[in-house]
Protein backbone atom coordinates (compact mmCIF):
# COMPACT_ATOMS: atom_id res chain seq x y z
CA MET A 1 24.14 5.13 51.11
CA LYS A 2 23.04 5.99 54.66
CA LEU A 3 23.62 9.56 53.74
CA LEU A 4 22.86 9.95 50.25
CA ARG A 5 18.98 9.09 51.20
CA ARG A 6 19.39 11.67 53.80
CA LEU A 7 20.31 13.68 51.76
CA HIS A 8 17.74 13.16 49.10
CA THR A 9 15.41 13.79 51.54
CA TYR A 10 16.68 17.24 53.01
CA LEU A 11 16.42 17.81 49.46
CA GLY A 12 13.42 16.50 48.51
CA CYS A 13 11.91 18.33 50.78
CA PHE A 14 13.87 21.74 50.14
CA PHE A 15 12.79 22.32 46.42
CA ALA A 16 9.22 20.43 46.45
CA PRO A 17 7.37 23.99 48.03
CA LEU A 18 8.62 25.77 44.87
CA LEU A 19 8.24 22.40 42.27
CA LEU A 20 4.29 22.85 43.86
CA PHE A 21 4.13 26.02 42.86
CA PHE A 22 6.11 26.29 39.57
CA LEU A 23 3.41 22.68 38.84
CA ALA A 24 0.34 24.44 40.04
CA THR A 25 0.72 27.21 38.41
CA GLY A 26 1.95 25.65 34.37
CA LEU A 27 -1.77 23.31 35.21
CA TYR A 28 -3.15 26.91 35.34
CA GLN A 29 -1.73 28.29 32.30
CA THR A 30 -2.61 25.28 30.79
CA ILE A 31 -6.09 24.84 31.58
CA THR A 32 -6.56 28.86 30.89
CA PRO A 33 -4.62 29.87 28.39
CA ASN A 34 -4.48 33.89 28.41
CA ARG A 35 -1.46 35.60 26.10
CA GLN A 36 -0.64 38.54 23.70
CA LYS A 37 0.99 36.12 21.50
CA GLY A 38 -1.11 34.45 18.59
CA THR A 39 -1.63 30.45 19.06
CA GLY A 40 0.63 29.08 16.96
CA GLU A 41 3.22 31.90 15.97
CA LEU A 42 6.19 30.69 14.11
CA GLY A 43 9.53 31.44 14.89
CA ASP A 44 12.47 29.41 15.78
CA TRP A 45 12.88 26.92 17.77
CA LYS A 46 12.42 28.79 21.68
CA ALA A 47 9.44 29.56 20.51
CA ARG A 48 8.27 26.82 19.26
CA LEU A 49 9.16 24.73 22.43
CA THR A 50 7.15 28.05 24.49
CA SER A 51 4.41 27.28 22.55
CA VAL A 52 4.49 23.52 23.64
CA HIS A 53 4.44 25.07 26.99
CA VAL A 54 1.77 27.77 27.07
CA ASP A 55 -0.67 26.66 23.74
CA GLN A 56 0.53 23.06 24.24
CA ILE A 57 0.93 22.33 20.17
CA TYR A 58 3.83 22.48 18.01
CA PRO A 59 3.44 25.08 15.51
CA THR A 60 4.49 24.23 11.90
CA GLU A 61 4.03 25.65 9.04
CA SER A 62 2.05 22.89 7.47
CA ALA A 63 -0.35 22.49 8.98
CA THR A 64 -3.65 24.41 9.23
CA SER A 65 -5.41 23.99 12.12
CA TYR A 66 -4.35 22.49 15.77
CA SER A 67 -6.32 21.09 18.36
CA PRO A 68 -4.44 20.09 21.83
CA VAL A 69 -6.73 18.21 23.13
CA LEU A 70 -5.29 15.33 24.25
CA PHE A 71 -2.09 17.52 24.92
CA ARG A 72 -3.42 19.01 27.39
CA GLY A 73 -5.08 16.17 29.23
CA LEU A 74 -1.74 14.66 29.17
CA VAL A 75 -0.21 17.74 31.26
CA VAL A 76 -3.16 18.23 33.11
CA ALA A 77 -2.52 14.28 34.91
CA MET A 78 1.13 14.98 35.08
CA ALA A 79 0.78 17.91 36.57
CA VAL A 80 -1.27 16.12 39.08
CA GLY A 81 0.19 13.22 40.18
CA LEU A 82 3.44 14.64 39.82
CA MET A 83 1.61 17.57 42.55
CA ILE A 84 0.10 13.65 44.27
CA THR A 85 3.75 12.39 44.47
CA LEU A 86 5.46 15.57 45.84
CA VAL A 87 3.04 15.54 49.04
CA LEU A 88 3.70 12.22 49.53
CA GLY A 89 7.04 12.65 49.53
CA GLY A 90 6.59 14.53 52.05
CA VAL A 91 4.56 12.93 54.56
CA MET A 92 7.10 9.76 53.75
CA ALA A 93 9.99 12.22 54.90
CA LEU A 94 7.85 13.04 57.83
CA ARG A 95 7.05 9.80 58.98
CA TYR A 96 10.03 7.74 58.01
CA SER A 97 12.49 9.92 59.86
CA ARG A 98 14.21 9.79 62.73
CA LYS A 99 15.33 13.25 63.43
CA LYS A 100 11.45 15.16 62.44
CA TRP A 101 13.28 18.29 62.92
CA PRO A 102 15.59 18.51 59.68
CA VAL A 103 12.56 17.47 57.56
CA TRP A 104 10.63 20.35 59.04
CA LEU A 105 13.51 22.81 58.82
CA SER A 106 13.97 21.86 54.77
CA LEU A 107 10.01 22.11 54.07
CA ALA A 108 10.37 25.87 55.75
CA LEU A 109 13.49 26.86 54.14
CA GLY A 110 11.98 25.43 50.36
CA PHE A 111 9.11 27.66 51.39
CA GLY A 112 11.16 30.83 52.93
CA VAL A 113 14.21 30.93 51.00
CA PRO A 114 12.07 31.14 47.57
CA VAL A 115 9.67 33.73 48.93
CA SER A 116 12.69 35.93 50.52
CA PHE A 117 14.51 35.60 47.16
CA LEU A 118 11.04 37.06 45.21
CA LEU A 119 10.90 39.94 47.51
CA LEU A 120 14.56 40.64 47.97
CA GLY A 121 14.66 40.81 44.12
CA GLN A 122 12.05 43.87 43.99
CA ARG A 123 12.92 47.72 43.63
CA HIS A 124 10.93 50.13 44.66
């Protein structure tokens, strides 16, 4: 059980920065949608789920108009709540771990590895 708790701590700290990034950018997309495609465009099920993510609506042929206000509010609350939870998890990992360096290393790698992968994926 001790090993599982430690693994959970390190994996959580490793992925927390990337999750925070995607939460923050998803929250930004939710608050300020700016897309080339029209809101509520019909398509296959994948395109409709994309509309839920970007437009906060589920396009159907029978709908005459859409109001994303309720769902958008729920998404904003979820994103803010999860960001707070991630930060609190990092604080708890640092406070309650006997060895602090593996937690700091996990956090540093959580920032460094995604940035490195993005830079390595660029071609000039």
